[in-house]
Amino acid sequence: MSKLDALRDTLAGYGQVVVAFSGGVDSAFLLKVSIDALGDRCHAVTAVSQTMARSEIADAKALAAELGIGARHRVVESHELEVPGFADNPTHRCALCKTELMEIAQPIADALGGAPIALGTNTDDLGDVRPGIAAARDRGARMPMVDVGLSKAEIRELSKSLGLRTWDKPQLACLSSRFPYGTQITPDRLRRVDAFEDALRELGFRQLRVRFHDTIARLEIEQAELARVIEVKDQIVAAGKRLGFAYVALDLAGFRSGSLNETLPDKTLIQLRGRPS
């Protein structure tokens, strides 16, 4: 049996499902396959907050409409910044975020008679620092793509075969991930990072991060595009200064997911990786 067929069987076995849908590669694929497997017994929830890029909020709504889920897609306001401790940006911030997501999704699942809540976690995520995975599991979240052994590359390939426009969408993460642990997260800082990333996309860059270091914006750009940064450096610097950054720095190591985990002590990394799957 193929992994795609195994995923369909797994989802069909749920009877019904609430997919936590952000609009990214993984959750878009999961939602598409869930709709195919369960039809109108598939529901989705998108938690919207200041930590979600504005462009991604609009795209998640558009994608849900394209997939035909209609009123079964709930867009719910999340208030992560009001969660005690979240704005202080502790190393377990992602656990606080996933807990908030599950608290938002649970009433929807309960109203459906206890439908499983499914997350778009893939096998690659298990090797990274993801305290949110353990927090979600503790609250009963299902991770069907992990259960059938799907990696990110396989999800992209299958997404392409299913005609999903998200198959080559850049990796995304909530805007809180742009701040070093211990750096205060505020609405204004989130807005500035989001606007700077939008400005970089308008210049044609796709896979990127703007990391916030007080007066410095550290840019992570995909390796293949680093040389082009110099060609448009004046526009980039001007955008950074408009948004209140005194300095704009280019990280020569390029884009990498979770780069702010690189400075964490080994002991902390072990603790944050949570229990084995």
Protein backbone atom coordinates (compact mmCIF):
# COMPACT_ATOMS: atom_id res chain seq x y z
CA MET A 1 0.00 0.00 0.00
CA SER A 2 1.29 3.47 -0.86
CA LYS A 3 1.72 6.06 1.86
CA LEU A 4 -1.01 8.16 0.25
CA ASP A 5 -3.45 5.24 0.38
CA ALA A 6 -2.40 4.55 3.96
CA LEU A 7 -3.11 8.17 4.85
CA ARG A 8 -6.53 8.01 3.21
CA ASP A 9 -7.35 4.83 5.14
CA THR A 10 -6.14 6.37 8.39
CA LEU A 11 -8.30 9.45 7.90
CA ALA A 12 -11.31 7.43 6.82
CA GLY A 13 -10.89 5.41 10.01
CA TYR A 14 -11.35 8.57 12.07
CA GLY A 15 -14.95 8.82 10.86
CA GLN A 16 -14.66 12.61 10.96
CA VAL A 17 -11.86 15.08 11.57
CA VAL A 18 -10.96 18.67 12.42
CA VAL A 19 -7.80 19.65 10.55
CA ALA A 20 -5.66 22.40 12.08
CA PHE A 21 -5.13 24.37 8.89
CA SER A 22 -2.53 27.14 8.52
CA GLY A 23 -2.36 27.20 4.72
CA GLY A 24 1.17 25.82 4.57
CA VAL A 25 2.41 22.88 2.50
CA ASP A 26 1.67 20.22 5.11
CA SER A 27 -1.72 21.33 6.38
CA ALA A 28 -2.97 22.08 2.84
CA PHE A 29 -2.05 18.56 1.76
CA LEU A 30 -3.63 17.06 4.87
CA LEU A 31 -6.82 19.03 4.33
CA LYS A 32 -7.05 18.00 0.67
CA VAL A 33 -6.63 14.29 1.47
CA SER A 34 -9.04 14.58 4.42
CA ILE A 35 -11.71 16.10 2.20
CA ASP A 36 -11.17 13.34 -0.35
CA ALA A 37 -11.42 10.66 2.33
CA LEU A 38 -14.24 12.07 4.47
CA GLY A 39 -16.18 14.56 2.35
CA ASP A 40 -18.47 16.73 4.44
CA ARG A 41 -17.27 14.97 7.60
CA CYS A 42 -14.02 16.92 7.25
CA HIS A 43 -13.79 20.24 9.07
CA ALA A 44 -10.93 22.72 9.44
CA VAL A 45 -9.92 25.44 11.85
CA THR A 46 -7.46 28.27 11.31
CA ALA A 47 -6.29 30.14 14.39
CA VAL A 48 -5.54 33.74 13.46
CA SER A 49 -3.40 36.01 15.61
CA GLN A 50 -0.80 38.76 15.40
CA THR A 51 1.88 36.08 15.13
CA MET A 52 0.54 34.94 11.75
CA ALA A 53 1.75 36.83 8.67
CA ARG A 54 -1.03 38.92 7.15
CA SER A 55 -0.44 37.41 3.72
CA GLU A 56 -0.81 33.92 5.16
CA ILE A 57 -4.16 34.71 6.76
CA ALA A 58 -5.54 35.73 3.36
CA ASP A 59 -3.96 32.75 1.63
CA ALA A 60 -5.34 30.24 4.13
CA LYS A 61 -8.85 31.56 3.52
CA ALA A 62 -8.33 31.44 -0.24
CA LEU A 63 -6.94 27.89 -0.14
CA ALA A 64 -9.84 26.62 1.96
CA ALA A 65 -12.26 28.12 -0.54
CA GLU A 66 -10.37 26.52 -3.44
CA LEU A 67 -10.59 23.12 -1.73
CA GLY A 68 -14.34 23.55 -1.41
CA ILE A 69 -14.71 23.11 2.32
CA GLY A 70 -17.00 26.13 2.62
CA ALA A 71 -18.59 26.86 5.99
CA ARG A 72 -16.84 23.86 7.53
CA HIS A 73 -13.71 26.04 7.68
CA ARG A 74 -13.72 28.08 10.88
CA VAL A 75 -11.38 31.06 11.21
CA VAL A 76 -11.01 31.79 14.91
CA GLU A 77 -9.17 34.62 16.65
CA SER A 78 -6.28 33.43 18.81
CA HIS A 79 -4.74 35.52 21.57
CA GLU A 80 -1.30 34.00 22.04
CA LEU A 81 0.28 37.25 23.21
CA GLU A 82 -2.14 37.22 26.14
CA VAL A 83 -1.15 33.71 27.20
CA PRO A 84 0.89 34.08 30.43
CA GLY A 85 4.59 33.94 29.58
CA PHE A 86 4.22 33.78 25.79
CA ALA A 87 5.32 37.36 25.07
CA ASP A 88 8.49 36.75 27.13
CA ASN A 89 9.48 34.26 24.41
CA PRO A 90 10.65 31.33 26.56
CA THR A 91 12.28 28.28 25.01
CA HIS A 92 8.99 26.36 25.33
CA ARG A 93 7.04 29.08 23.50
CA CYS A 94 5.88 26.62 20.83
CA ALA A 95 4.28 24.47 23.52
CA LEU A 96 2.24 27.47 24.69
CA CYS A 97 1.20 28.13 21.09
CA LYS A 98 0.09 24.55 20.41
CA THR A 99 -1.79 24.47 23.70
CA GLU A 100 -3.68 27.58 22.63
CA LEU A 101 -4.41 26.01 19.23
CA MET A 102 -5.80 22.86 20.84
CA GLU A 103 -7.96 24.93 23.18
CA ILE A 104 -9.40 26.71 20.15
CA ALA A 105 -9.97 23.51 18.14
CA GLN A 106 -11.35 21.39 20.99
CA PRO A 107 -14.80 23.05 21.25
CA ILE A 108 -15.26 22.56 17.50
CA ALA A 109 -14.30 18.90 17.83
CA ASP A 110 -16.57 18.47 20.86
CA ALA A 111 -19.53 19.97 19.00
CA LEU A 112 -19.03 17.26 16.37
CA GLY A 113 -19.24 14.55 18.98
CA GLY A 114 -15.55 14.26 19.76
CA ALA A 115 -13.96 14.42 16.30
CA PRO A 116 -10.17 13.88 16.26
CA ILE A 117 -8.03 17.00 15.79
CA ALA A 118 -5.35 16.38 13.16
CA LEU A 119 -2.12 18.35 12.74
CA GLY A 120 0.07 18.57 9.64
CA THR A 121 3.18 17.29 11.38
CA ASN A 122 5.55 15.25 9.19
CA THR A 123 8.43 12.92 10.02
CA ASP A 124 11.07 15.62 9.41
CA ASP A 125 9.57 17.66 12.25
CA LEU A 126 10.42 14.94 14.75
CA GLY A 127 14.15 15.59 14.47
CA ASP A 128 13.89 19.32 15.14
CA VAL A 129 13.29 21.23 18.38
CA ARG A 130 9.50 21.17 18.50
CA PRO A 131 8.15 21.32 22.07
CA GLY A 132 4.76 22.04 20.52
CA ILE A 133 4.55 18.46 19.25
CA ALA A 134 4.65 17.01 22.76
CA ALA A 135 2.16 19.63 24.00
CA ALA A 136 -0.29 18.82 21.21
CA ARG A 137 0.05 15.07 21.76
CA ASP A 138 -0.60 15.53 25.47
CA ARG A 139 -3.93 17.13 24.50
CA GLY A 140 -4.92 14.33 22.18
CA ALA A 141 -3.86 15.68 18.77
CA ARG A 142 -3.50 13.16 15.96
CA MET A 143 -0.58 13.30 13.53
CA PRO A 144 -1.66 11.02 10.70
CA MET A 145 1.17 11.93 8.33
CA VAL A 146 3.70 10.88 10.96
CA ASP A 147 1.73 7.66 11.49
CA VAL A 148 2.15 6.71 7.81
CA GLY A 149 5.77 7.93 7.61
CA LEU A 150 5.44 10.92 5.27
CA SER A 151 8.40 13.29 4.98
CA LYS A 152 8.32 16.90 3.79
CA ALA A 153 9.76 15.98 0.39
CA GLU A 154 7.14 13.27 -0.09
CA ILE A 155 4.36 15.67 0.88
CA ARG A 156 5.59 18.18 -1.69
CA GLU A 157 5.74 15.49 -4.38
CA LEU A 158 2.26 14.18 -3.57
CA SER A 159 0.88 17.72 -3.38
CA LYS A 160 2.13 18.33 -6.90
CA SER A 161 0.52 15.12 -8.15
CA LEU A 162 -2.78 16.19 -6.57
CA GLY A 163 -2.63 19.59 -8.26
CA LEU A 164 -2.14 21.63 -5.10
CA ARG A 165 -0.53 25.00 -5.76
CA THR A 166 1.17 24.76 -2.37
CA TRP A 167 3.51 21.96 -3.50
CA ASP A 168 6.47 24.36 -3.83
CA LYS A 169 5.39 26.94 -1.27
CA PRO A 170 8.30 28.19 0.86
CA GLN A 171 8.63 26.89 4.41
CA LEU A 172 6.67 29.00 6.84
CA ALA A 173 6.59 29.46 10.58
CA CYS A 174 4.79 31.81 12.92
CA LEU A 175 6.37 35.25 13.23
CA SER A 176 7.32 34.58 16.85
CA SER A 177 10.08 32.34 15.52
CA ARG A 178 11.91 35.43 14.27
CA PHE A 179 12.86 36.49 17.81
CA PRO A 180 15.74 35.07 19.89
CA TYR A 181 14.52 33.33 23.03
CA GLY A 182 14.11 35.84 25.85
CA THR A 183 13.46 38.75 23.47
CA GLN A 184 10.09 40.34 24.18
CA ILE A 185 7.46 39.77 21.47
CA THR A 186 5.20 42.77 20.92
CA PRO A 187 2.54 43.64 18.32
CA ASP A 188 4.74 46.41 16.92
CA ARG A 189 7.77 44.17 16.54
CA LEU A 190 5.69 41.48 14.86
CA ARG A 191 4.28 44.06 12.44
CA ARG A 192 7.76 45.33 11.54
CA VAL A 193 9.14 41.85 10.86
CA ASP A 194 6.08 40.91 8.81
CA ALA A 195 6.31 44.10 6.74
CA PHE A 196 10.04 43.63 6.09
CA GLU A 197 9.49 40.05 4.90
CA ASP A 198 6.72 41.29 2.60
CA ALA A 199 9.12 43.90 1.19
CA LEU A 200 11.70 41.20 0.47
CA ARG A 201 9.11 39.07 -1.32
CA GLU A 202 8.16 42.04 -3.45
CA LEU A 203 11.81 42.14 -4.54
CA GLY A 204 11.48 38.53 -5.72
CA PHE A 205 12.95 36.59 -2.79
CA ARG A 206 10.95 33.52 -1.77
CA GLN A 207 12.51 31.48 1.03
CA LEU A 208 13.56 33.92 3.74
CA ARG A 209 13.43 35.03 7.35
CA VAL A 210 13.93 38.42 8.99
CA ARG A 211 15.37 37.71 12.43
CA PHE A 212 14.86 40.45 15.01
CA HIS A 213 17.93 41.51 17.01
CA ASP A 214 16.79 44.82 18.54
CA THR A 215 18.25 47.52 16.24
CA ILE A 216 19.51 44.88 13.77
CA ALA A 217 17.48 42.92 11.23
CA ARG A 218 19.39 39.76 10.29
CA LEU A 219 18.29 38.47 6.91
CA GLU A 220 18.34 34.78 6.09
CA ILE A 221 17.97 34.28 2.34
CA GLU A 222 18.17 31.03 0.41
CA GLN A 223 21.78 30.30 -0.59
CA ALA A 224 21.04 30.42 -4.31
CA GLU A 225 19.72 33.97 -3.97
CA LEU A 226 22.43 35.48 -1.77
CA ALA A 227 24.35 37.06 -4.66
CA ARG A 228 21.25 38.92 -5.84
CA VAL A 229 20.92 40.64 -2.47
CA ILE A 230 23.83 42.90 -3.41
CA GLU A 231 22.05 43.96 -6.59
CA VAL A 232 19.10 45.34 -4.62
CA LYS A 233 20.87 46.18 -1.36
CA ASP A 234 19.84 49.85 -1.40
CA GLN A 235 16.16 48.94 -1.60
CA ILE A 236 16.56 46.37 1.15
CA VAL A 237 18.35 48.76 3.48
CA ALA A 238 15.77 51.48 2.79
CA ALA A 239 12.94 49.08 3.66
CA GLY A 240 14.67 48.11 6.89
CA LYS A 241 15.22 51.68 7.95
CA ARG A 242 11.62 52.62 7.16
CA LEU A 243 10.61 49.91 9.59
CA GLY A 244 12.85 51.18 12.37
CA PHE A 245 15.96 49.03 12.03
CA ALA A 246 19.25 50.90 12.35
CA TYR A 247 21.19 48.09 10.68
CA VAL A 248 20.36 45.44 8.10
CA ALA A 249 22.70 42.43 8.16
CA LEU A 250 22.90 39.52 5.73
CA ASP A 251 23.51 36.09 7.27
CA LEU A 252 26.04 34.44 4.96
CA ALA A 253 24.96 30.99 6.15
CA GLY A 254 21.68 31.59 4.33
CA PHE A 255 18.19 30.46 5.23
CA ARG A 256 17.76 27.57 7.65
CA SER A 257 14.69 26.64 9.59
CA GLY A 258 15.04 27.00 13.36
CA SER A 259 18.34 28.89 13.26
CA LEU A 260 17.64 30.51 16.62
CA ASN A 261 17.88 27.06 18.22
CA GLU A 262 21.57 26.98 17.27
CA THR A 263 22.57 28.95 20.36
CA LEU A 264 20.67 26.78 22.84
CA PRO A 265 22.73 24.55 25.18
CA ASP A 266 22.66 20.82 24.43
CA LYS A 267 20.82 20.11 27.69
CA THR A 268 18.02 22.50 26.71
CA LEU A 269 17.80 20.98 23.23
CA ILE A 270 17.36 17.50 24.70
CA GLN A 271 14.63 18.72 27.04
CA LEU A 272 12.76 20.59 24.29
CA ARG A 273 12.75 17.68 21.88
CA GLY A 274 10.36 16.03 24.30
CA ARG A 275 9.59 12.39 24.57
CA PRO A 276 10.44 10.08 21.67
CA SER A 277 7.71 9.27 19.15
